[in-house]
Amino acid sequence: HEKSGNEQFFTELSKWVFHERGHLKAVHMQHHKVGEANEPAIYRINDDLEFSVEIFEWSGTSWEPYVADDVQVQFYMMSP
């Protein structure tokens, strides 16, 4: 019988499920209003801010820099 693509798919899926691949961690997160240096306790809806973060991906043996150009950040209003 010819092999289908299922073996490769499930191999990659199991690596992800067991955190052997595709597991991300974010470190050194910093945020502040534009023009300021300190992180404020709260933000207002129309505040412009700067946000920086380092993202690493587990390669199966070590944490390596995550390379992507489509990372998104979403903020939630916790209390009105």
Protein backbone atom coordinates (compact mmCIF):
# COMPACT_ATOMS: atom_id res chain seq x y z
CA HIS A 1 0.00 0.00 0.00
CA GLU A 2 1.11 3.53 -0.70
CA LYS A 3 1.59 5.81 2.27
CA SER A 4 -0.90 8.60 2.72
CA GLY A 5 0.05 11.92 4.26
CA ASN A 6 -1.54 10.90 7.56
CA GLU A 7 1.67 9.54 9.11
CA GLN A 8 3.53 12.83 8.73
CA PHE A 9 0.47 14.81 9.85
CA PHE A 10 0.02 12.77 13.04
CA THR A 11 3.74 12.80 13.76
CA GLU A 12 3.77 16.61 13.65
CA LEU A 13 0.50 16.79 15.60
CA SER A 14 1.83 14.57 18.38
CA LYS A 15 4.99 16.70 18.62
CA TRP A 16 2.80 19.76 19.13
CA VAL A 17 0.49 18.03 21.65
CA PHE A 18 3.43 16.83 23.77
CA HIS A 19 5.24 20.21 23.52
CA GLU A 20 8.09 18.80 21.49
CA ARG A 21 7.52 21.38 18.76
CA GLY A 22 5.54 24.58 18.28
CA HIS A 23 5.53 25.44 21.98
CA LEU A 24 6.09 29.19 22.41
CA LYS A 25 7.14 31.30 25.36
CA ALA A 26 7.20 35.07 25.68
CA VAL A 27 9.85 36.80 27.78
CA HIS A 28 10.97 40.34 28.49
CA MET A 29 7.58 41.90 27.84
CA GLN A 30 7.61 45.68 28.13
CA HIS A 31 4.90 48.23 27.47
CA HIS A 32 4.44 51.94 28.00
CA LYS A 33 2.68 54.93 26.54
CA VAL A 34 4.37 56.54 23.55
CA GLY A 35 6.78 59.20 24.78
CA GLU A 36 7.01 57.76 28.30
CA ALA A 37 9.40 55.24 29.81
CA ASN A 38 7.45 53.73 32.72
CA GLU A 39 4.67 51.15 32.57
CA PRO A 40 1.45 52.79 33.78
CA ALA A 41 -1.04 51.06 36.05
CA ILE A 42 -3.85 51.59 33.52
CA TYR A 43 -4.37 52.55 29.90
CA ARG A 44 -7.26 54.44 28.35
CA ILE A 45 -8.95 53.28 25.13
CA ASN A 46 -7.31 55.86 22.86
CA ASP A 47 -3.81 55.67 24.38
CA ASP A 48 -1.00 55.00 21.92
CA LEU A 49 1.50 52.58 23.34
CA GLU A 50 4.71 50.75 22.55
CA PHE A 51 4.95 47.03 23.26
CA SER A 52 7.98 44.78 22.92
CA VAL A 53 8.42 41.08 23.59
CA GLU A 54 10.91 38.31 22.82
CA ILE A 55 9.31 35.07 21.62
CA PHE A 56 11.04 31.70 21.66
CA GLU A 57 9.98 28.33 20.23
CA TRP A 58 10.92 24.94 21.67
CA SER A 59 12.81 22.97 19.02
CA GLY A 60 12.70 19.68 20.91
CA THR A 61 16.08 20.23 22.52
CA SER A 62 16.37 23.98 23.20
CA TRP A 63 14.58 27.32 23.07
CA GLU A 64 15.29 29.11 19.79
CA PRO A 65 14.13 32.54 18.59
CA TYR A 66 10.70 32.38 16.97
CA VAL A 67 10.85 33.82 13.47
CA ALA A 68 7.58 35.31 12.18
CA ASP A 69 6.28 38.52 10.70
CA ASP A 70 2.64 38.15 11.66
CA VAL A 71 2.54 38.13 15.47
CA GLN A 72 -0.48 39.90 16.94
CA VAL A 73 -1.13 41.27 20.41
CA GLN A 74 -4.58 41.83 21.83
CA PHE A 75 -5.45 43.82 24.94
CA TYR A 76 -8.65 43.41 26.95
CA MET A 77 -10.43 45.93 29.11
CA MET A 78 -10.60 44.21 32.49
CA SER A 79 -12.78 46.73 34.32
CA PRO A 80 -14.88 49.52 32.83
